[in-house]
Amino acid sequence: MMERDVFVSSYGGVFEHSPFIAERAFDAGLIEEPLTAAGVHAALVRMFRAASPDERLGVLRAHPDLAGRLAVAGELTEDSRKEQAGAGLDRLTAEEFARFTELNAQYTQKFGFPFIIAVKGLNRHDILAAFEHRIDNDRDTEFETACAQVEKIARLRLESLLPETL
């Protein structure tokens, strides 16, 4: 059986800066070997959904702004950097960057957490369209949407680390 610290160090980052999710999944006996993306994801999502609203808000707030100051400063996690670059967010025009900056500020002011979307398979135009649509949501709808996107991001990250099934 994999040791707790090895599991947490390997998979604790799939929910951005939130290793407590992996710790709780391991401690609850939800991690079964052989590890698969689907199995680990199910266990982690179960713990994420069981977390308090404040804890889930903390997970959302751990995510960086899209094309935001952390990206400009080169301070994203490696996963976030690759994901944003893959969507072209590291190659925005000055006008696009200004629009993302404006939307990031409006969104965070309105909802209290950054705009979160699983960017894999999307381009900057898709992301901007989703941003402009979702900013009109009410807070409860957007909280649930953001949580679902966090779960999708975790799934994509796990699929890059583990086999889907055996």
C-alpha atoms as a PDB file:
ATOM      1  CA  MET A   1       0.000   0.000   0.000  1.00  0.00           C
ATOM      2  CA  MET A   2       1.247   3.449  -0.921  1.00  0.00           C
ATOM      3  CA  GLU A   3       2.304   5.539   2.053  1.00  0.00           C
ATOM      4  CA  ARG A   4       0.223   8.585   2.929  1.00  0.00           C
ATOM      5  CA  ASP A   5       3.019  11.119   2.441  1.00  0.00           C
ATOM      6  CA  VAL A   6       3.876   9.660  -0.985  1.00  0.00           C
ATOM      7  CA  PHE A   7       0.227   9.798  -2.055  1.00  0.00           C
ATOM      8  CA  VAL A   8      -0.235  13.370  -0.824  1.00  0.00           C
ATOM      9  CA  SER A   9       3.016  14.538  -2.385  1.00  0.00           C
ATOM     10  CA  SER A  10       2.058  12.905  -5.701  1.00  0.00           C
ATOM     11  CA  TYR A  11      -1.619  13.916  -5.908  1.00  0.00           C
ATOM     12  CA  GLY A  12      -2.157  16.648  -3.315  1.00  0.00           C
ATOM     13  CA  GLY A  13      -1.709  19.356  -5.920  1.00  0.00           C
ATOM     14  CA  VAL A  14      -4.371  18.289  -8.394  1.00  0.00           C
ATOM     15  CA  PHE A  15      -6.758  20.501  -6.425  1.00  0.00           C
ATOM     16  CA  GLU A  16      -4.712  23.725  -6.596  1.00  0.00           C
ATOM     17  CA  HIS A  17      -2.711  24.324  -3.379  1.00  0.00           C
ATOM     18  CA  SER A  18      -5.166  22.131  -1.451  1.00  0.00           C
ATOM     19  CA  PRO A  19      -3.433  18.956  -0.251  1.00  0.00           C
ATOM     20  CA  PHE A  20      -6.007  18.541   2.528  1.00  0.00           C
ATOM     21  CA  ILE A  21      -8.307  16.912  -0.024  1.00  0.00           C
ATOM     22  CA  ALA A  22      -5.796  14.156  -0.796  1.00  0.00           C
ATOM     23  CA  GLU A  23      -5.007  13.785   2.917  1.00  0.00           C
ATOM     24  CA  ARG A  24      -8.679  13.293   3.775  1.00  0.00           C
ATOM     25  CA  ALA A  25      -9.240  10.834   0.920  1.00  0.00           C
ATOM     26  CA  PHE A  26      -6.276   8.750   2.051  1.00  0.00           C
ATOM     27  CA  ASP A  27      -7.265   8.923   5.729  1.00  0.00           C
ATOM     28  CA  ALA A  28     -10.844   7.893   4.882  1.00  0.00           C
ATOM     29  CA  GLY A  29      -9.548   4.717   3.221  1.00  0.00           C
ATOM     30  CA  LEU A  30     -10.842   5.778  -0.206  1.00  0.00           C
ATOM     31  CA  ILE A  31      -7.567   5.179  -2.029  1.00  0.00           C
ATOM     32  CA  GLU A  32      -7.304   1.714  -3.492  1.00  0.00           C
ATOM     33  CA  GLU A  33      -4.460   0.276  -5.478  1.00  0.00           C
ATOM     34  CA  PRO A  34      -3.810  -0.047  -8.284  1.00  0.00           C
ATOM     35  CA  LEU A  35      -4.340   3.680  -8.699  1.00  0.00           C
ATOM     36  CA  THR A  36      -6.327   4.877 -11.694  1.00  0.00           C
ATOM     37  CA  ALA A  37      -7.305   8.385 -12.723  1.00  0.00           C
ATOM     38  CA  ALA A  38     -10.986   7.506 -12.313  1.00  0.00           C
ATOM     39  CA  GLY A  39     -10.547   5.954  -8.875  1.00  0.00           C
ATOM     40  CA  VAL A  40      -8.371   8.684  -7.409  1.00  0.00           C
ATOM     41  CA  HIS A  41     -10.611  11.362  -8.936  1.00  0.00           C
ATOM     42  CA  ALA A  42     -13.733   9.819  -7.390  1.00  0.00           C
ATOM     43  CA  ALA A  43     -12.066   9.735  -3.969  1.00  0.00           C
ATOM     44  CA  LEU A  44     -10.780  13.307  -4.180  1.00  0.00           C
ATOM     45  CA  VAL A  45     -14.084  14.687  -5.464  1.00  0.00           C
ATOM     46  CA  ARG A  46     -15.921  12.948  -2.624  1.00  0.00           C
ATOM     47  CA  MET A  47     -13.701  14.772  -0.108  1.00  0.00           C
ATOM     48  CA  PHE A  48     -13.981  18.075  -1.977  1.00  0.00           C
ATOM     49  CA  ARG A  49     -17.783  17.867  -1.941  1.00  0.00           C
ATOM     50  CA  ALA A  50     -17.748  16.865   1.737  1.00  0.00           C
ATOM     51  CA  ALA A  51     -15.624  19.906   2.622  1.00  0.00           C
ATOM     52  CA  SER A  52     -17.334  22.872   4.233  1.00  0.00           C
ATOM     53  CA  PRO A  53     -18.432  25.747   1.989  1.00  0.00           C
ATOM     54  CA  ASP A  54     -15.594  27.851   3.438  1.00  0.00           C
ATOM     55  CA  GLU A  55     -13.058  25.123   2.644  1.00  0.00           C
ATOM     56  CA  ARG A  56     -14.372  24.818  -0.923  1.00  0.00           C
ATOM     57  CA  LEU A  57     -14.207  28.609  -1.232  1.00  0.00           C
ATOM     58  CA  GLY A  58     -10.574  28.371  -0.128  1.00  0.00           C
ATOM     59  CA  VAL A  59      -9.901  25.875  -2.926  1.00  0.00           C
ATOM     60  CA  LEU A  60     -11.487  28.246  -5.438  1.00  0.00           C
ATOM     61  CA  ARG A  61      -9.452  31.161  -4.101  1.00  0.00           C
ATOM     62  CA  ALA A  62      -6.252  29.090  -4.438  1.00  0.00           C
ATOM     63  CA  HIS A  63      -6.655  29.239  -8.225  1.00  0.00           C
ATOM     64  CA  PRO A  64      -4.859  31.993 -10.114  1.00  0.00           C
ATOM     65  CA  ASP A  65      -6.549  34.580 -12.297  1.00  0.00           C
ATOM     66  CA  LEU A  66      -6.474  33.609 -15.960  1.00  0.00           C
ATOM     67  CA  ALA A  67      -3.744  35.613 -17.692  1.00  0.00           C
ATOM     68  CA  GLY A  68      -3.349  37.513 -14.417  1.00  0.00           C
ATOM     69  CA  ARG A  69      -0.472  38.973 -12.459  1.00  0.00           C
ATOM     70  CA  LEU A  70       0.894  35.588 -11.339  1.00  0.00           C
ATOM     71  CA  ALA A  71       1.141  34.513 -14.977  1.00  0.00           C
ATOM     72  CA  VAL A  72       2.874  37.736 -15.931  1.00  0.00           C
ATOM     73  CA  ALA A  73       5.295  37.343 -13.019  1.00  0.00           C
ATOM     74  CA  GLY A  74       5.943  33.680 -13.865  1.00  0.00           C
ATOM     75  CA  GLU A  75       4.593  32.538 -10.482  1.00  0.00           C
ATOM     76  CA  LEU A  76       1.953  29.995 -11.535  1.00  0.00           C
ATOM     77  CA  THR A  77       2.186  26.370 -10.509  1.00  0.00           C
ATOM     78  CA  GLU A  78       3.660  24.258 -13.298  1.00  0.00           C
ATOM     79  CA  ASP A  79       0.249  22.699 -14.000  1.00  0.00           C
ATOM     80  CA  SER A  80      -1.457  26.108 -14.237  1.00  0.00           C
ATOM     81  CA  ARG A  81       1.322  27.496 -16.431  1.00  0.00           C
ATOM     82  CA  LYS A  82       1.036  24.604 -18.893  1.00  0.00           C
ATOM     83  CA  GLU A  83      -2.762  24.760 -18.916  1.00  0.00           C
ATOM     84  CA  GLN A  84      -2.877  28.498 -19.553  1.00  0.00           C
ATOM     85  CA  ALA A  85      -0.136  28.320 -22.198  1.00  0.00           C
ATOM     86  CA  GLY A  86      -1.950  25.460 -23.925  1.00  0.00           C
ATOM     87  CA  ALA A  87      -4.986  27.726 -24.294  1.00  0.00           C
ATOM     88  CA  GLY A  88      -2.879  30.595 -25.658  1.00  0.00           C
ATOM     89  CA  LEU A  89      -3.303  32.781 -22.591  1.00  0.00           C
ATOM     90  CA  ASP A  90       0.427  33.496 -22.629  1.00  0.00           C
ATOM     91  CA  ARG A  91       0.082  35.048 -26.110  1.00  0.00           C
ATOM     92  CA  LEU A  92      -2.707  37.583 -25.661  1.00  0.00           C
ATOM     93  CA  THR A  93      -2.792  40.837 -27.577  1.00  0.00           C
ATOM     94  CA  ALA A  94      -2.654  44.009 -25.491  1.00  0.00           C
ATOM     95  CA  GLU A  95      -6.409  44.443 -26.004  1.00  0.00           C
ATOM     96  CA  GLU A  96      -7.168  40.840 -24.962  1.00  0.00           C
ATOM     97  CA  PHE A  97      -4.936  41.163 -21.911  1.00  0.00           C
ATOM     98  CA  ALA A  98      -6.750  44.369 -20.912  1.00  0.00           C
ATOM     99  CA  ARG A  99     -10.140  42.635 -21.302  1.00  0.00           C
ATOM    100  CA  PHE A 100      -9.026  39.644 -19.197  1.00  0.00           C
ATOM    101  CA  THR A 101      -7.666  42.014 -16.547  1.00  0.00           C
ATOM    102  CA  GLU A 102     -10.965  43.946 -16.476  1.00  0.00           C
ATOM    103  CA  LEU A 103     -13.074  40.781 -16.315  1.00  0.00           C
ATOM    104  CA  ASN A 104     -10.851  39.228 -13.621  1.00  0.00           C
ATOM    105  CA  ALA A 105     -11.354  42.327 -11.443  1.00  0.00           C
ATOM    106  CA  GLN A 106     -15.137  42.464 -12.028  1.00  0.00           C
ATOM    107  CA  TYR A 107     -15.573  38.746 -11.468  1.00  0.00           C
ATOM    108  CA  THR A 108     -13.527  38.597  -8.272  1.00  0.00           C
ATOM    109  CA  GLN A 109     -15.301  41.687  -6.931  1.00  0.00           C
ATOM    110  CA  LYS A 110     -18.726  40.153  -7.649  1.00  0.00           C
ATOM    111  CA  PHE A 111     -18.104  36.558  -6.526  1.00  0.00           C
ATOM    112  CA  GLY A 112     -15.170  36.677  -4.091  1.00  0.00           C
ATOM    113  CA  PHE A 113     -13.078  34.115  -5.988  1.00  0.00           C
ATOM    114  CA  PRO A 114     -11.332  34.013  -9.376  1.00  0.00           C
ATOM    115  CA  PHE A 115     -12.943  32.879 -12.620  1.00  0.00           C
ATOM    116  CA  ILE A 116     -12.175  29.171 -13.023  1.00  0.00           C
ATOM    117  CA  ILE A 117     -12.526  27.151 -16.184  1.00  0.00           C
ATOM    118  CA  ALA A 118     -10.839  23.955 -17.355  1.00  0.00           C
ATOM    119  CA  VAL A 119      -8.967  25.438 -20.297  1.00  0.00           C
ATOM    120  CA  LYS A 120      -7.806  22.207 -21.939  1.00  0.00           C
ATOM    121  CA  GLY A 121      -9.212  22.075 -25.469  1.00  0.00           C
ATOM    122  CA  LEU A 122     -10.271  25.721 -25.361  1.00  0.00           C
ATOM    123  CA  ASN A 123      -8.661  28.762 -26.939  1.00  0.00           C
ATOM    124  CA  ARG A 124      -8.537  32.297 -25.597  1.00  0.00           C
ATOM    125  CA  HIS A 125     -11.673  33.260 -27.568  1.00  0.00           C
ATOM    126  CA  ASP A 126     -13.662  30.349 -26.068  1.00  0.00           C
ATOM    127  CA  ILE A 127     -12.465  31.296 -22.590  1.00  0.00           C
ATOM    128  CA  LEU A 128     -13.301  34.965 -23.048  1.00  0.00           C
ATOM    129  CA  ALA A 129     -16.807  34.084 -24.287  1.00  0.00           C
ATOM    130  CA  ALA A 130     -17.388  31.840 -21.253  1.00  0.00           C
ATOM    131  CA  PHE A 131     -16.034  34.567 -18.971  1.00  0.00           C
ATOM    132  CA  GLU A 132     -18.395  37.170 -20.435  1.00  0.00           C
ATOM    133  CA  HIS A 133     -21.361  34.792 -20.145  1.00  0.00           C
ATOM    134  CA  ARG A 134     -20.682  33.521 -16.622  1.00  0.00           C
ATOM    135  CA  ILE A 135     -20.088  36.960 -15.095  1.00  0.00           C
ATOM    136  CA  ASP A 136     -23.860  37.473 -15.306  1.00  0.00           C
ATOM    137  CA  ASN A 137     -24.593  34.405 -13.116  1.00  0.00           C
ATOM    138  CA  ASP A 138     -25.761  34.743  -9.527  1.00  0.00           C
ATOM    139  CA  ARG A 139     -23.249  33.790  -6.819  1.00  0.00           C
ATOM    140  CA  ASP A 140     -24.743  30.382  -5.967  1.00  0.00           C
ATOM    141  CA  THR A 141     -24.804  29.319  -9.616  1.00  0.00           C
ATOM    142  CA  GLU A 142     -21.269  30.527 -10.168  1.00  0.00           C
ATOM    143  CA  PHE A 143     -19.972  28.891  -6.982  1.00  0.00           C
ATOM    144  CA  GLU A 144     -21.335  25.542  -8.172  1.00  0.00           C
ATOM    145  CA  THR A 145     -20.038  26.122 -11.708  1.00  0.00           C
ATOM    146  CA  ALA A 146     -16.575  26.987 -10.399  1.00  0.00           C
ATOM    147  CA  CYS A 147     -16.547  23.902  -8.155  1.00  0.00           C
ATOM    148  CA  ALA A 148     -17.497  21.705 -11.131  1.00  0.00           C
ATOM    149  CA  GLN A 149     -14.688  23.271 -13.158  1.00  0.00           C
ATOM    150  CA  VAL A 150     -12.201  22.607 -10.328  1.00  0.00           C
ATOM    151  CA  GLU A 151     -13.276  18.961 -10.360  1.00  0.00           C
ATOM    152  CA  LYS A 152     -12.782  18.830 -14.132  1.00  0.00           C
ATOM    153  CA  ILE A 153      -9.319  20.390 -13.837  1.00  0.00           C
ATOM    154  CA  ALA A 154      -8.423  17.777 -11.195  1.00  0.00           C
ATOM    155  CA  ARG A 155      -9.641  15.012 -13.509  1.00  0.00           C
ATOM    156  CA  LEU A 156      -7.533  16.291 -16.404  1.00  0.00           C
ATOM    157  CA  ARG A 157      -4.470  16.566 -14.173  1.00  0.00           C
ATOM    158  CA  LEU A 158      -4.965  13.028 -12.862  1.00  0.00           C
ATOM    159  CA  GLU A 159      -5.383  11.682 -16.401  1.00  0.00           C
ATOM    160  CA  SER A 160      -1.920  13.059 -17.208  1.00  0.00           C
ATOM    161  CA  LEU A 161      -0.477  11.251 -14.148  1.00  0.00           C
ATOM    162  CA  LEU A 162      -2.325   7.937 -14.009  1.00  0.00           C
ATOM    163  CA  PRO A 163      -3.893   5.382 -16.339  1.00  0.00           C
ATOM    164  CA  GLU A 164      -7.635   5.917 -16.831  1.00  0.00           C
ATOM    165  CA  THR A 165      -8.416   2.282 -16.007  1.00  0.00           C
ATOM    166  CA  LEU A 166      -6.518  -0.969 -15.790  1.00  0.00           C
END
